[in-house]
Amino acid sequence: MTNQFPPKNVEIREARGRIPLWVISEKLEIRESTLGNLIRMDGLSSSRKNEILKAIEEVKQDIKNRLEHGKGERLGE
Protein backbone atom coordinates (compact mmCIF):
# COMPACT_ATOMS: atom_id res chain seq x y z
CA MET A 1 0.00 0.00 0.00
CA THR A 2 1.40 3.40 -0.94
CA ASN A 3 1.30 6.43 1.29
CA GLN A 4 -1.49 8.69 0.04
CA PHE A 5 -0.17 11.59 2.08
CA PRO A 6 3.58 11.84 1.61
CA PRO A 7 5.34 14.12 4.10
CA LYS A 8 6.06 17.67 3.02
CA ASN A 9 9.24 19.61 3.75
CA VAL A 10 11.25 16.45 4.31
CA GLU A 11 14.48 18.47 4.53
CA ILE A 12 13.15 20.32 7.58
CA ARG A 13 11.83 17.13 9.16
CA GLU A 14 15.18 15.37 8.71
CA ALA A 15 17.17 18.36 10.01
CA ARG A 16 14.88 18.62 13.04
CA GLY A 17 15.40 15.03 14.13
CA ARG A 18 14.06 14.65 17.66
CA ILE A 19 14.15 18.33 18.58
CA PRO A 20 10.70 19.32 19.90
CA LEU A 21 8.77 21.86 17.85
CA TRP A 22 8.40 24.12 20.87
CA VAL A 23 12.17 24.57 21.12
CA ILE A 24 12.47 25.60 17.46
CA SER A 25 9.41 27.82 17.66
CA GLU A 26 10.89 29.67 20.65
CA LYS A 27 14.02 30.35 18.60
CA LEU A 28 11.83 31.68 15.75
CA GLU A 29 9.62 33.59 18.20
CA ILE A 30 6.45 32.05 16.80
CA ARG A 31 3.83 29.73 18.26
CA GLU A 32 4.45 26.00 18.18
CA SER A 33 1.20 25.47 16.26
CA THR A 34 2.30 28.01 13.64
CA LEU A 35 5.55 26.14 13.10
CA GLY A 36 3.70 22.83 12.81
CA ASN A 37 1.38 24.33 10.21
CA LEU A 38 4.31 25.78 8.25
CA ILE A 39 6.05 22.41 8.14
CA ARG A 40 2.87 20.74 6.86
CA MET A 41 2.40 23.38 4.14
CA ASP A 42 2.97 22.70 0.50
CA GLY A 43 4.88 25.45 -1.27
CA LEU A 44 6.77 26.87 1.70
CA SER A 45 8.86 29.78 0.43
CA SER A 46 12.59 29.18 0.23
CA SER A 47 13.30 32.14 2.51
CA ARG A 48 10.94 30.80 5.19
CA LYS A 49 12.36 27.30 4.78
CA ASN A 50 15.90 28.64 5.19
CA GLU A 51 14.83 30.60 8.27
CA ILE A 52 13.49 27.41 9.87
CA LEU A 53 16.60 25.40 8.92
CA LYS A 54 18.82 28.14 10.37
CA ALA A 55 16.86 28.07 13.64
CA ILE A 56 17.24 24.27 13.80
CA GLU A 57 21.01 24.60 13.35
CA GLU A 58 21.14 27.27 16.07
CA VAL A 59 19.23 25.00 18.45
CA LYS A 60 21.62 22.13 17.68
CA GLN A 61 24.57 24.43 18.39
CA ASP A 62 22.96 25.58 21.66
CA ILE A 63 22.53 21.94 22.72
CA LYS A 64 26.12 21.13 21.78
CA ASN A 65 27.41 24.13 23.75
CA ARG A 66 25.38 23.14 26.81
CA LEU A 67 26.74 19.62 26.71
CA GLU A 68 30.33 20.81 26.24
CA HIS A 69 30.11 23.23 29.14
CA GLY A 70 28.51 20.74 31.52
CA LYS A 71 25.16 22.49 31.85
CA GLY A 72 23.20 19.25 31.69
CA GLU A 73 21.55 17.31 28.94
CA ARG A 74 18.09 18.75 29.43
CA LEU A 75 17.09 21.85 27.53
CA GLY A 76 15.43 23.47 30.53
CA GLU A 77 18.47 23.35 32.81
PDB file of N, CA and C in Angstrom:
ATOM      1  N   MET A   1       0.846  -1.185   0.000  1.00  0.00           N
ATOM      2  CA  MET A   1       0.000   0.000   0.000  1.00  0.00           C
ATOM      3  C   MET A   1       0.890   1.246   0.000  1.00  0.00           C
ATOM      4  N   THR A   2       0.608   2.170  -0.873  1.00  0.00           N
ATOM      5  CA  THR A   2       1.399   3.396  -0.944  1.00  0.00           C
ATOM      6  C   THR A   2       0.832   4.443  -0.008  1.00  0.00           C
ATOM      7  N   ASN A   3       1.720   5.346   0.401  1.00  0.00           N
ATOM      8  CA  ASN A   3       1.298   6.426   1.288  1.00  0.00           C
ATOM      9  C   ASN A   3       0.575   7.480   0.470  1.00  0.00           C
ATOM     10  N   GLN A   4      -0.696   7.708   0.763  1.00  0.00           N
ATOM     11  CA  GLN A   4      -1.490   8.689   0.037  1.00  0.00           C
ATOM     12  C   GLN A   4      -1.136  10.115   0.433  1.00  0.00           C
ATOM     13  N   PHE A   5      -0.514  10.269   1.578  1.00  0.00           N
ATOM     14  CA  PHE A   5      -0.174  11.590   2.079  1.00  0.00           C
ATOM     15  C   PHE A   5       1.322  11.657   2.382  1.00  0.00           C
ATOM     16  N   PRO A   6       2.139  11.788   1.350  1.00  0.00           N
ATOM     17  CA  PRO A   6       3.584  11.838   1.606  1.00  0.00           C
ATOM     18  C   PRO A   6       3.946  13.081   2.414  1.00  0.00           C
ATOM     19  N   PRO A   7       4.964  12.970   3.268  1.00  0.00           N
ATOM     20  CA  PRO A   7       5.344  14.116   4.100  1.00  0.00           C
ATOM     21  C   PRO A   7       5.872  15.272   3.247  1.00  0.00           C
ATOM     22  N   LYS A   8       5.579  16.458   3.694  1.00  0.00           N
ATOM     23  CA  LYS A   8       6.060  17.666   3.022  1.00  0.00           C
ATOM     24  C   LYS A   8       7.273  18.194   3.789  1.00  0.00           C
ATOM     25  N   ASN A   9       8.070  18.981   3.128  1.00  0.00           N
ATOM     26  CA  ASN A   9       9.240  19.611   3.753  1.00  0.00           C
ATOM     27  C   ASN A   9      10.122  18.594   4.476  1.00  0.00           C
ATOM     28  N   VAL A  10      10.456  17.543   3.758  1.00  0.00           N
ATOM     29  CA  VAL A  10      11.252  16.450   4.311  1.00  0.00           C
ATOM     30  C   VAL A  10      12.603  16.960   4.808  1.00  0.00           C
ATOM     31  N   GLU A  11      13.183  17.927   4.117  1.00  0.00           N
ATOM     32  CA  GLU A  11      14.480  18.474   4.529  1.00  0.00           C
ATOM     33  C   GLU A  11      14.409  19.051   5.942  1.00  0.00           C
ATOM     34  N   ILE A  12      13.339  19.753   6.238  1.00  0.00           N
ATOM     35  CA  ILE A  12      13.151  20.324   7.578  1.00  0.00           C
ATOM     36  C   ILE A  12      12.945  19.211   8.590  1.00  0.00           C
ATOM     37  N   ARG A  13      12.120  18.240   8.245  1.00  0.00           N
ATOM     38  CA  ARG A  13      11.834  17.132   9.163  1.00  0.00           C
ATOM     39  C   ARG A  13      13.103  16.347   9.494  1.00  0.00           C
ATOM     40  N   GLU A  14      13.937  16.111   8.473  1.00  0.00           N
ATOM     41  CA  GLU A  14      15.176  15.373   8.706  1.00  0.00           C
ATOM     42  C   GLU A  14      16.156  16.198   9.535  1.00  0.00           C
ATOM     43  N   ALA A  15      16.260  17.495   9.253  1.00  0.00           N
ATOM     44  CA  ALA A  15      17.170  18.359  10.015  1.00  0.00           C
ATOM     45  C   ALA A  15      16.722  18.458  11.466  1.00  0.00           C
ATOM     46  N   ARG A  16      15.430  18.488  11.690  1.00  0.00           N
ATOM     47  CA  ARG A  16      14.876  18.621  13.039  1.00  0.00           C
ATOM     48  C   ARG A  16      15.213  17.420  13.901  1.00  0.00           C
ATOM     49  N   GLY A  17      15.144  16.228  13.332  1.00  0.00           N
ATOM     50  CA  GLY A  17      15.399  15.027  14.128  1.00  0.00           C
ATOM     51  C   GLY A  17      14.399  14.910  15.258  1.00  0.00           C
ATOM     52  N   ARG A  18      14.922  14.814  16.479  1.00  0.00           N
ATOM     53  CA  ARG A  18      14.064  14.650  17.657  1.00  0.00           C
ATOM     54  C   ARG A  18      13.899  15.942  18.444  1.00  0.00           C
ATOM     55  N   ILE A  19      14.303  17.049  17.882  1.00  0.00           N
ATOM     56  CA  ILE A  19      14.146  18.331  18.583  1.00  0.00           C
ATOM     57  C   ILE A  19      12.663  18.681  18.626  1.00  0.00           C
ATOM     58  N   PRO A  20      12.124  18.963  19.799  1.00  0.00           N
ATOM     59  CA  PRO A  20      10.701  19.316  19.902  1.00  0.00           C
ATOM     60  C   PRO A  20      10.387  20.607  19.141  1.00  0.00           C
ATOM     61  N   LEU A  21       9.195  20.657  18.578  1.00  0.00           N
ATOM     62  CA  LEU A  21       8.775  21.855  17.846  1.00  0.00           C
ATOM     63  C   LEU A  21       8.807  23.099  18.722  1.00  0.00           C
ATOM     64  N   TRP A  22       8.470  22.943  20.000  1.00  0.00           N
ATOM     65  CA  TRP A  22       8.400  24.124  20.866  1.00  0.00           C
ATOM     66  C   TRP A  22       9.764  24.789  21.010  1.00  0.00           C
ATOM     67  N   VAL A  23      10.835  24.010  20.969  1.00  0.00           N
ATOM     68  CA  VAL A  23      12.173  24.573  21.116  1.00  0.00           C
ATOM     69  C   VAL A  23      12.519  25.413  19.886  1.00  0.00           C
ATOM     70  N   ILE A  24      12.203  24.886  18.716  1.00  0.00           N
ATOM     71  CA  ILE A  24      12.474  25.604  17.465  1.00  0.00           C
ATOM     72  C   ILE A  24      11.581  26.832  17.359  1.00  0.00           C
ATOM     73  N   SER A  25      10.328  26.680  17.759  1.00  0.00           N
ATOM     74  CA  SER A  25       9.406  27.815  17.663  1.00  0.00           C
ATOM     75  C   SER A  25       9.812  28.948  18.605  1.00  0.00           C
ATOM     76  N   GLU A  26      10.383  28.613  19.761  1.00  0.00           N
ATOM     77  CA  GLU A  26      10.887  29.669  20.645  1.00  0.00           C
ATOM     78  C   GLU A  26      12.020  30.434  19.988  1.00  0.00           C
ATOM     79  N   LYS A  27      12.896  29.713  19.297  1.00  0.00           N
ATOM     80  CA  LYS A  27      14.021  30.347  18.598  1.00  0.00           C
ATOM     81  C   LYS A  27      13.495  31.284  17.500  1.00  0.00           C
ATOM     82  N   LEU A  28      12.414  30.872  16.819  1.00  0.00           N
ATOM     83  CA  LEU A  28      11.829  31.677  15.745  1.00  0.00           C
ATOM     84  C   LEU A  28      10.881  32.760  16.264  1.00  0.00           C
ATOM     85  N   GLU A  29      10.569  32.681  17.558  1.00  0.00           N
ATOM     86  CA  GLU A  29       9.624  33.593  18.195  1.00  0.00           C
ATOM     87  C   GLU A  29       8.246  33.542  17.536  1.00  0.00           C
ATOM     88  N   ILE A  30       7.801  32.289  17.309  1.00  0.00           N
ATOM     89  CA  ILE A  30       6.451  32.049  16.804  1.00  0.00           C
ATOM     90  C   ILE A  30       5.823  30.959  17.656  1.00  0.00           C
ATOM     91  N   ARG A  31       4.522  30.774  17.507  1.00  0.00           N
ATOM     92  CA  ARG A  31       3.833  29.731  18.261  1.00  0.00           C
ATOM     93  C   ARG A  31       4.179  28.352  17.705  1.00  0.00           C
ATOM     94  N   GLU A  32       4.166  27.378  18.579  1.00  0.00           N
ATOM     95  CA  GLU A  32       4.448  26.002  18.183  1.00  0.00           C
ATOM     96  C   GLU A  32       3.470  25.535  17.105  1.00  0.00           C
ATOM     97  N   SER A  33       2.204  25.884  17.246  1.00  0.00           N
ATOM     98  CA  SER A  33       1.198  25.474  16.261  1.00  0.00           C
ATOM     99  C   SER A  33       1.467  26.108  14.895  1.00  0.00           C
ATOM    100  N   THR A  34       1.962  27.343  14.900  1.00  0.00           N
ATOM    101  CA  THR A  34       2.298  28.008  13.642  1.00  0.00           C
ATOM    102  C   THR A  34       3.420  27.260  12.939  1.00  0.00           C
ATOM    103  N   LEU A  35       4.437  26.876  13.681  1.00  0.00           N
ATOM    104  CA  LEU A  35       5.549  26.139  13.097  1.00  0.00           C
ATOM    105  C   LEU A  35       5.070  24.803  12.543  1.00  0.00           C
ATOM    106  N   GLY A  36       4.241  24.106  13.286  1.00  0.00           N
ATOM    107  CA  GLY A  36       3.698  22.832  12.807  1.00  0.00           C
ATOM    108  C   GLY A  36       2.928  22.999  11.514  1.00  0.00           C
ATOM    109  N   ASN A  37       2.140  24.055  11.440  1.00  0.00           N
ATOM    110  CA  ASN A  37       1.384  24.335  10.215  1.00  0.00           C
ATOM    111  C   ASN A  37       2.312  24.660   9.056  1.00  0.00           C
ATOM    112  N   LEU A  38       3.361  25.437   9.310  1.00  0.00           N
ATOM    113  CA  LEU A  38       4.309  25.784   8.253  1.00  0.00           C
ATOM    114  C   LEU A  38       4.990  24.536   7.694  1.00  0.00           C
ATOM    115  N   ILE A  39       5.362  23.626   8.573  1.00  0.00           N
ATOM    116  CA  ILE A  39       6.047  22.409   8.142  1.00  0.00           C
ATOM    117  C   ILE A  39       5.113  21.526   7.314  1.00  0.00           C
ATOM    118  N   ARG A  40       3.839  21.552   7.616  1.00  0.00           N
ATOM    119  CA  ARG A  40       2.872  20.739   6.863  1.00  0.00           C
ATOM    120  C   ARG A  40       2.473  21.379   5.541  1.00  0.00           C
ATOM    121  N   MET A  41       2.820  22.653   5.346  1.00  0.00           N
ATOM    122  CA  MET A  41       2.405  23.385   4.145  1.00  0.00           C
ATOM    123  C   MET A  41       3.114  22.901   2.890  1.00  0.00           C
ATOM    124  N   ASP A  42       2.388  22.909   1.813  1.00  0.00           N
ATOM    125  CA  ASP A  42       2.971  22.698   0.497  1.00  0.00           C
ATOM    126  C   ASP A  42       3.357  24.071  -0.043  1.00  0.00           C
ATOM    127  N   GLY A  43       4.489  24.183  -0.673  1.00  0.00           N
ATOM    128  CA  GLY A  43       4.877  25.454  -1.274  1.00  0.00           C
ATOM    129  C   GLY A  43       5.444  26.457  -0.289  1.00  0.00           C
ATOM    130  N   LEU A  44       6.110  25.983   0.734  1.00  0.00           N
ATOM    131  CA  LEU A  44       6.769  26.866   1.700  1.00  0.00           C
ATOM    132  C   LEU A  44       7.853  27.657   0.967  1.00  0.00           C
ATOM    133  N   SER A  45       7.881  28.956   1.144  1.00  0.00           N
ATOM    134  CA  SER A  45       8.862  29.776   0.428  1.00  0.00           C
ATOM    135  C   SER A  45      10.276  29.391   0.849  1.00  0.00           C
ATOM    136  N   SER A  46      11.207  29.564  -0.069  1.00  0.00           N
ATOM    137  CA  SER A  46      12.594  29.177   0.230  1.00  0.00           C
ATOM    138  C   SER A  46      13.173  30.030   1.353  1.00  0.00           C
ATOM    139  N   SER A  47      12.773  31.295   1.434  1.00  0.00           N
ATOM    140  CA  SER A  47      13.297  32.142   2.513  1.00  0.00           C
ATOM    141  C   SER A  47      12.778  31.676   3.875  1.00  0.00           C
ATOM    142  N   ARG A  48      11.517  31.292   3.936  1.00  0.00           N
ATOM    143  CA  ARG A  48      10.938  30.803   5.194  1.00  0.00           C
ATOM    144  C   ARG A  48      11.553  29.452   5.576  1.00  0.00           C
ATOM    145  N   LYS A  49      11.746  28.601   4.554  1.00  0.00           N
ATOM    146  CA  LYS A  49      12.362  27.301   4.779  1.00  0.00           C
ATOM    147  C   LYS A  49      13.779  27.474   5.327  1.00  0.00           C
ATOM    148  N   ASN A  50      14.536  28.385   4.727  1.00  0.00           N
ATOM    149  CA  ASN A  50      15.900  28.644   5.188  1.00  0.00           C
ATOM    150  C   ASN A  50      15.919  29.209   6.603  1.00  0.00           C
ATOM    151  N   GLU A  51      14.935  30.039   6.921  1.00  0.00           N
ATOM    152  CA  GLU A  51      14.826  30.598   8.270  1.00  0.00           C
ATOM    153  C   GLU A  51      14.615  29.485   9.298  1.00  0.00           C
ATOM    154  N   ILE A  52      13.760  28.525   8.969  1.00  0.00           N
ATOM    155  CA  ILE A  52      13.490  27.408   9.872  1.00  0.00           C
ATOM    156  C   ILE A  52      14.731  26.531  10.010  1.00  0.00           C
ATOM    157  N   LEU A  53      15.384  26.232   8.886  1.00  0.00           N
ATOM    158  CA  LEU A  53      16.598  25.405   8.920  1.00  0.00           C
ATOM    159  C   LEU A  53      17.703  26.082   9.731  1.00  0.00           C
ATOM    160  N   LYS A  54      17.820  27.398   9.602  1.00  0.00           N
ATOM    161  CA  LYS A  54      18.822  28.138  10.369  1.00  0.00           C
ATOM    162  C   LYS A  54      18.516  28.042  11.863  1.00  0.00           C
ATOM    163  N   ALA A  55      17.251  28.170  12.231  1.00  0.00           N
ATOM    164  CA  ALA A  55      16.858  28.065  13.638  1.00  0.00           C
ATOM    165  C   ALA A  55      17.169  26.677  14.181  1.00  0.00           C
ATOM    166  N   ILE A  56      16.946  25.643  13.375  1.00  0.00           N
ATOM    167  CA  ILE A  56      17.243  24.275  13.797  1.00  0.00           C
ATOM    168  C   ILE A  56      18.746  24.137  14.058  1.00  0.00           C
ATOM    169  N   GLU A  57      19.560  24.674  13.162  1.00  0.00           N
ATOM    170  CA  GLU A  57      21.012  24.601  13.347  1.00  0.00           C
ATOM    171  C   GLU A  57      21.450  25.365  14.592  1.00  0.00           C
ATOM    172  N   GLU A  58      20.817  26.499  14.863  1.00  0.00           N
ATOM    173  CA  GLU A  58      21.142  27.269  16.072  1.00  0.00           C
ATOM    174  C   GLU A  58      20.782  26.487  17.329  1.00  0.00           C
ATOM    175  N   VAL A  59      19.643  25.807  17.309  1.00  0.00           N
ATOM    176  CA  VAL A  59      19.233  24.996  18.454  1.00  0.00           C
ATOM    177  C   VAL A  59      20.230  23.858  18.664  1.00  0.00           C
ATOM    178  N   LYS A  60      20.628  23.212  17.575  1.00  0.00           N
ATOM    179  CA  LYS A  60      21.617  22.134  17.679  1.00  0.00           C
ATOM    180  C   LYS A  60      22.926  22.653  18.268  1.00  0.00           C
ATOM    181  N   GLN A  61      23.340  23.837  17.854  1.00  0.00           N
ATOM    182  CA  GLN A  61      24.571  24.426  18.385  1.00  0.00           C
ATOM    183  C   GLN A  61      24.405  24.765  19.866  1.00  0.00           C
ATOM    184  N   ASP A  62      23.237  25.289  20.242  1.00  0.00           N
ATOM    185  CA  ASP A  62      22.958  25.580  21.656  1.00  0.00           C
ATOM    186  C   ASP A  62      23.059  24.310  22.499  1.00  0.00           C
ATOM    187  N   ILE A  63      22.489  23.214  21.998  1.00  0.00           N
ATOM    188  CA  ILE A  63      22.532  21.943  22.718  1.00  0.00           C
ATOM    189  C   ILE A  63      23.974  21.467  22.851  1.00  0.00           C
ATOM    190  N   LYS A  64      24.720  21.550  21.764  1.00  0.00           N
ATOM    191  CA  LYS A  64      26.122  21.132  21.778  1.00  0.00           C
ATOM    192  C   LYS A  64      26.920  21.949  22.791  1.00  0.00           C
ATOM    193  N   ASN A  65      26.711  23.263  22.804  1.00  0.00           N
ATOM    194  CA  ASN A  65      27.411  24.134  23.750  1.00  0.00           C
ATOM    195  C   ASN A  65      27.067  23.788  25.193  1.00  0.00           C
ATOM    196  N   ARG A  66      25.793  23.504  25.453  1.00  0.00           N
ATOM    197  CA  ARG A  66      25.377  23.139  26.810  1.00  0.00           C
ATOM    198  C   ARG A  66      26.059  21.864  27.267  1.00  0.00           C
ATOM    199  N   LEU A  67      26.122  20.891  26.362  1.00  0.00           N
ATOM    200  CA  LEU A  67      26.744  19.616  26.711  1.00  0.00           C
ATOM    201  C   LEU A  67      28.242  19.777  26.932  1.00  0.00           C
ATOM    202  N   GLU A  68      28.893  20.599  26.113  1.00  0.00           N
ATOM    203  CA  GLU A  68      30.325  20.810  26.244  1.00  0.00           C
ATOM    204  C   GLU A  68      30.691  21.558  27.514  1.00  0.00           C
ATOM    205  N   HIS A  69      29.812  22.421  27.959  1.00  0.00           N
ATOM    206  CA  HIS A  69      30.107  23.226  29.138  1.00  0.00           C
ATOM    207  C   HIS A  69      29.468  22.657  30.406  1.00  0.00           C
ATOM    208  N   GLY A  70      28.994  21.426  30.334  1.00  0.00           N
ATOM    209  CA  GLY A  70      28.510  20.737  31.525  1.00  0.00           C
ATOM    210  C   GLY A  70      27.254  21.322  32.133  1.00  0.00           C
ATOM    211  N   LYS A  71      26.385  21.900  31.310  1.00  0.00           N
ATOM    212  CA  LYS A  71      25.161  22.492  31.845  1.00  0.00           C
ATOM    213  C   LYS A  71      23.999  21.532  31.778  1.00  0.00           C
ATOM    214  N   GLY A  72      24.270  20.248  31.673  1.00  0.00           N
ATOM    215  CA  GLY A  72      23.196  19.249  31.686  1.00  0.00           C
ATOM    216  C   GLY A  72      22.737  18.916  30.294  1.00  0.00           C
ATOM    217  N   GLU A  73      22.038  17.790  30.230  1.00  0.00           N
ATOM    218  CA  GLU A  73      21.546  17.305  28.944  1.00  0.00           C
ATOM    219  C   GLU A  73      20.151  17.812  28.647  1.00  0.00           C
ATOM    220  N   ARG A  74      19.460  18.297  29.639  1.00  0.00           N
ATOM    221  CA  ARG A  74      18.092  18.746  29.425  1.00  0.00           C
ATOM    222  C   ARG A  74      18.081  20.189  28.985  1.00  0.00           C
ATOM    223  N   LEU A  75      17.162  20.506  28.087  1.00  0.00           N
ATOM    224  CA  LEU A  75      17.089  21.851  27.528  1.00  0.00           C
ATOM    225  C   LEU A  75      16.696  22.890  28.566  1.00  0.00           C
ATOM    226  N   GLY A  76      15.911  22.505  29.547  1.00  0.00           N
ATOM    227  CA  GLY A  76      15.426  23.468  30.526  1.00  0.00           C
ATOM    228  C   GLY A  76      16.380  23.770  31.664  1.00  0.00           C
ATOM    229  N   GLU A  77      17.541  23.139  31.684  1.00  0.00           N
ATOM    230  CA  GLU A  77      18.471  23.347  32.812  1.00  0.00           C
ATOM    231  C   GLU A  77      19.323  24.571  32.602  1.00  0.00           C
TER     232      GLU A  77
END
